[in-house]
């Protein structure tokens, strides 16, 4: 669920990069997303 939500936010492009990275870091630390999902989302933000 966290992965799908963050993916939609990133795809829309309406986000603050630093705040979104903080959220992704927290989701990864809390095992809400996998390291593969984290990597994918971070790469999406770099495009």
PDB file of N, CA and C in Angstrom:
ATOM      1  N   UNK A   1       0.812  -1.191   0.000  1.00  0.00           N
ATOM      2  CA  UNK A   1       0.000   0.000   0.000  1.00  0.00           C
ATOM      3  C   UNK A   1       0.862   1.264   0.000  1.00  0.00           C
ATOM      4  N   UNK A   2       1.883   1.310   0.835  1.00  0.00           N
ATOM      5  CA  UNK A   2       2.767   2.476   0.875  1.00  0.00           C
ATOM      6  C   UNK A   2       3.477   2.639  -0.465  1.00  0.00           C
ATOM      7  N   UNK A   3       3.874   1.527  -1.057  1.00  0.00           N
ATOM      8  CA  UNK A   3       4.555   1.574  -2.353  1.00  0.00           C
ATOM      9  C   UNK A   3       3.648   2.178  -3.418  1.00  0.00           C
ATOM     10  N   UNK A   4       2.423   1.697  -3.503  1.00  0.00           N
ATOM     11  CA  UNK A   4       1.491   2.197  -4.524  1.00  0.00           C
ATOM     12  C   UNK A   4       1.192   3.678  -4.330  1.00  0.00           C
ATOM     13  N   UNK A   5       1.022   4.099  -3.103  1.00  0.00           N
ATOM     14  CA  UNK A   5       0.752   5.502  -2.811  1.00  0.00           C
ATOM     15  C   UNK A   5       1.931   6.381  -3.223  1.00  0.00           C
ATOM     16  N   UNK A   6       3.120   5.992  -2.831  1.00  0.00           N
ATOM     17  CA  UNK A   6       4.297   6.787  -3.171  1.00  0.00           C
ATOM     18  C   UNK A   6       4.550   6.795  -4.676  1.00  0.00           C
ATOM     19  N   UNK A   7       4.281   5.701  -5.331  1.00  0.00           N
ATOM     20  CA  UNK A   7       4.471   5.642  -6.779  1.00  0.00           C
ATOM     21  C   UNK A   7       3.538   6.622  -7.484  1.00  0.00           C
ATOM     22  N   UNK A   8       2.289   6.673  -7.046  1.00  0.00           N
ATOM     23  CA  UNK A   8       1.327   7.618  -7.646  1.00  0.00           C
ATOM     24  C   UNK A   8       1.761   9.062  -7.413  1.00  0.00           C
ATOM     25  N   UNK A   9       2.223   9.363  -6.219  1.00  0.00           N
ATOM     26  CA  UNK A   9       2.671  10.725  -5.902  1.00  0.00           C
ATOM     27  C   UNK A   9       3.842  11.117  -6.803  1.00  0.00           C
ATOM     28  N   UNK A  10       4.793  10.217  -6.955  1.00  0.00           N
ATOM     29  CA  UNK A  10       5.974  10.505  -7.776  1.00  0.00           C
ATOM     30  C   UNK A  10       5.586  10.632  -9.244  1.00  0.00           C
ATOM     31  N   UNK A  11       4.706   9.775  -9.714  1.00  0.00           N
ATOM     32  CA  UNK A  11       4.273   9.840 -11.108  1.00  0.00           C
ATOM     33  C   UNK A  11       3.570  11.156 -11.415  1.00  0.00           C
ATOM     34  N   UNK A  12       2.811  11.674 -10.476  1.00  0.00           N
ATOM     35  CA  UNK A  12       2.125  12.957 -10.678  1.00  0.00           C
ATOM     36  C   UNK A  12       3.115  14.108 -10.727  1.00  0.00           C
ATOM     37  N   UNK A  13       4.249  13.962 -10.048  1.00  0.00           N
ATOM     38  CA  UNK A  13       5.278  14.989 -10.058  1.00  0.00           C
ATOM     39  C   UNK A  13       5.040  16.131  -9.102  1.00  0.00           C
ATOM     40  N   UNK A  14       4.023  16.053  -8.282  1.00  0.00           N
ATOM     41  CA  UNK A  14       3.685  17.123  -7.345  1.00  0.00           C
ATOM     42  C   UNK A  14       4.173  16.752  -5.941  1.00  0.00           C
ATOM     43  N   UNK A  15       5.491  16.855  -5.733  1.00  0.00           N
ATOM     44  CA  UNK A  15       6.058  16.477  -4.441  1.00  0.00           C
ATOM     45  C   UNK A  15       7.338  17.257  -4.188  1.00  0.00           C
ATOM     46  N   UNK A  16       7.705  17.361  -2.919  1.00  0.00           N
ATOM     47  CA  UNK A  16       8.976  17.939  -2.507  1.00  0.00           C
ATOM     48  C   UNK A  16       9.974  16.787  -2.410  1.00  0.00           C
ATOM     49  N   UNK A  17      11.071  16.881  -3.160  1.00  0.00           N
ATOM     50  CA  UNK A  17      12.005  15.753  -3.245  1.00  0.00           C
ATOM     51  C   UNK A  17      12.587  15.367  -1.880  1.00  0.00           C
ATOM     52  N   UNK A  18      13.008  16.348  -1.092  1.00  0.00           N
ATOM     53  CA  UNK A  18      13.614  16.037   0.209  1.00  0.00           C
ATOM     54  C   UNK A  18      12.605  15.378   1.146  1.00  0.00           C
ATOM     55  N   UNK A  19      11.396  15.897   1.193  1.00  0.00           N
ATOM     56  CA  UNK A  19      10.366  15.328   2.066  1.00  0.00           C
ATOM     57  C   UNK A  19       9.979  13.925   1.606  1.00  0.00           C
ATOM     58  N   UNK A  20       9.932  13.726   0.301  1.00  0.00           N
ATOM     59  CA  UNK A  20       9.578  12.416  -0.231  1.00  0.00           C
ATOM     60  C   UNK A  20      10.678  11.401   0.070  1.00  0.00           C
ATOM     61  N   UNK A  21      11.930  11.826  -0.024  1.00  0.00           N
ATOM     62  CA  UNK A  21      13.037  10.925   0.320  1.00  0.00           C
ATOM     63  C   UNK A  21      12.967  10.530   1.797  1.00  0.00           C
ATOM     64  N   UNK A  22      12.618  11.492   2.658  1.00  0.00           N
ATOM     65  CA  UNK A  22      12.468  11.186   4.085  1.00  0.00           C
ATOM     66  C   UNK A  22      11.379  10.135   4.297  1.00  0.00           C
ATOM     67  N   UNK A  23      10.272  10.275   3.579  1.00  0.00           N
ATOM     68  CA  UNK A  23       9.178   9.307   3.699  1.00  0.00           C
ATOM     69  C   UNK A  23       9.609   7.936   3.198  1.00  0.00           C
ATOM     70  N   UNK A  24      10.299   7.907   2.066  1.00  0.00           N
ATOM     71  CA  UNK A  24      10.766   6.623   1.536  1.00  0.00           C
ATOM     72  C   UNK A  24      11.727   5.955   2.508  1.00  0.00           C
ATOM     73  N   UNK A  25      12.633   6.741   3.089  1.00  0.00           N
ATOM     74  CA  UNK A  25      13.575   6.199   4.074  1.00  0.00           C
ATOM     75  C   UNK A  25      12.824   5.602   5.268  1.00  0.00           C
ATOM     76  N   UNK A  26      11.800   6.300   5.730  1.00  0.00           N
ATOM     77  CA  UNK A  26      11.014   5.817   6.872  1.00  0.00           C
ATOM     78  C   UNK A  26      10.257   4.542   6.511  1.00  0.00           C
ATOM     79  N   UNK A  27       9.668   4.505   5.319  1.00  0.00           N
ATOM     80  CA  UNK A  27       8.948   3.298   4.887  1.00  0.00           C
ATOM     81  C   UNK A  27       9.893   2.114   4.764  1.00  0.00           C
ATOM     82  N   UNK A  28      11.096   2.357   4.258  1.00  0.00           N
ATOM     83  CA  UNK A  28      12.073   1.278   4.137  1.00  0.00           C
ATOM     84  C   UNK A  28      12.499   0.778   5.520  1.00  0.00           C
ATOM     85  N   UNK A  29      12.772   1.702   6.422  1.00  0.00           N
ATOM     86  CA  UNK A  29      13.207   1.332   7.779  1.00  0.00           C
ATOM     87  C   UNK A  29      12.126   0.565   8.533  1.00  0.00           C
ATOM     88  N   UNK A  30      10.864   0.871   8.245  1.00  0.00           N
ATOM     89  CA  UNK A  30       9.748   0.221   8.935  1.00  0.00           C
ATOM     90  C   UNK A  30       9.259  -1.027   8.191  1.00  0.00           C
ATOM     91  N   UNK A  31      10.000  -1.433   7.164  1.00  0.00           N
ATOM     92  CA  UNK A  31       9.637  -2.606   6.346  1.00  0.00           C
ATOM     93  C   UNK A  31       8.267  -2.459   5.697  1.00  0.00           C
ATOM     94  N   UNK A  32       7.888  -1.230   5.353  1.00  0.00           N
ATOM     95  CA  UNK A  32       6.634  -0.996   4.645  1.00  0.00           C
ATOM     96  C   UNK A  32       6.829  -1.140   3.138  1.00  0.00           C
ATOM     97  N   UNK A  33       8.096  -0.963   2.672  1.00  0.00           N
ATOM     98  CA  UNK A  33       8.454  -1.208   1.276  1.00  0.00           C
ATOM     99  C   UNK A  33       9.746  -2.014   1.272  1.00  0.00           C
ATOM    100  N   UNK A  34       9.975  -2.737   0.167  1.00  0.00           N
ATOM    101  CA  UNK A  34      11.189  -3.535   0.044  1.00  0.00           C
ATOM    102  C   UNK A  34      12.327  -2.666  -0.492  1.00  0.00           C
ATOM    103  N   UNK A  35      13.537  -3.167  -0.404  1.00  0.00           N
ATOM    104  CA  UNK A  35      14.667  -2.409  -0.934  1.00  0.00           C
ATOM    105  C   UNK A  35      14.567  -2.257  -2.446  1.00  0.00           C
ATOM    106  N   UNK A  36      13.977  -3.238  -3.122  1.00  0.00           N
ATOM    107  CA  UNK A  36      13.782  -3.141  -4.570  1.00  0.00           C
ATOM    108  C   UNK A  36      12.780  -2.035  -4.907  1.00  0.00           C
ATOM    109  N   UNK A  37      11.696  -1.960  -4.135  1.00  0.00           N
ATOM    110  CA  UNK A  37      10.707  -0.910  -4.344  1.00  0.00           C
ATOM    111  C   UNK A  37      11.310   0.458  -4.048  1.00  0.00           C
ATOM    112  N   UNK A  38      12.102   0.544  -2.987  1.00  0.00           N
ATOM    113  CA  UNK A  38      12.770   1.790  -2.633  1.00  0.00           C
ATOM    114  C   UNK A  38      13.643   2.261  -3.788  1.00  0.00           C
ATOM    115  N   UNK A  39      14.458   1.366  -4.302  1.00  0.00           N
ATOM    116  CA  UNK A  39      15.354   1.703  -5.408  1.00  0.00           C
ATOM    117  C   UNK A  39      14.558   2.192  -6.619  1.00  0.00           C
ATOM    118  N   UNK A  40      13.480   1.507  -6.952  1.00  0.00           N
ATOM    119  CA  UNK A  40      12.646   1.898  -8.092  1.00  0.00           C
ATOM    120  C   UNK A  40      12.075   3.301  -7.903  1.00  0.00           C
ATOM    121  N   UNK A  41      11.561   3.587  -6.730  1.00  0.00           N
ATOM    122  CA  UNK A  41      10.947   4.889  -6.468  1.00  0.00           C
ATOM    123  C   UNK A  41      11.988   6.014  -6.502  1.00  0.00           C
ATOM    124  N   UNK A  42      13.161   5.756  -5.951  1.00  0.00           N
ATOM    125  CA  UNK A  42      14.231   6.765  -5.965  1.00  0.00           C
ATOM    126  C   UNK A  42      14.664   7.027  -7.410  1.00  0.00           C
ATOM    127  N   UNK A  43      14.763   5.979  -8.205  1.00  0.00           N
ATOM    128  CA  UNK A  43      15.127   6.154  -9.613  1.00  0.00           C
ATOM    129  C   UNK A  43      14.057   6.940 -10.368  1.00  0.00           C
ATOM    130  N   UNK A  44      12.794   6.717 -10.038  1.00  0.00           N
ATOM    131  CA  UNK A  44      11.707   7.462 -10.676  1.00  0.00           C
ATOM    132  C   UNK A  44      11.832   8.955 -10.370  1.00  0.00           C
ATOM    133  N   UNK A  45      12.273   9.289  -9.162  1.00  0.00           N
ATOM    134  CA  UNK A  45      12.405  10.691  -8.791  1.00  0.00           C
ATOM    135  C   UNK A  45      13.572  11.353  -9.511  1.00  0.00           C
ATOM    136  N   UNK A  46      14.558  10.572  -9.919  1.00  0.00           N
ATOM    137  CA  UNK A  46      15.719  11.119 -10.587  1.00  0.00           C
ATOM    138  C   UNK A  46      15.486  11.449 -12.053  1.00  0.00           C
ATOM    139  N   UNK A  47      14.371  11.006 -12.584  1.00  0.00           N
ATOM    140  CA  UNK A  47      14.099  11.219 -14.013  1.00  0.00           C
ATOM    141  C   UNK A  47      13.467  12.559 -14.271  1.00  0.00           C
TER     142      UNK A  47
END
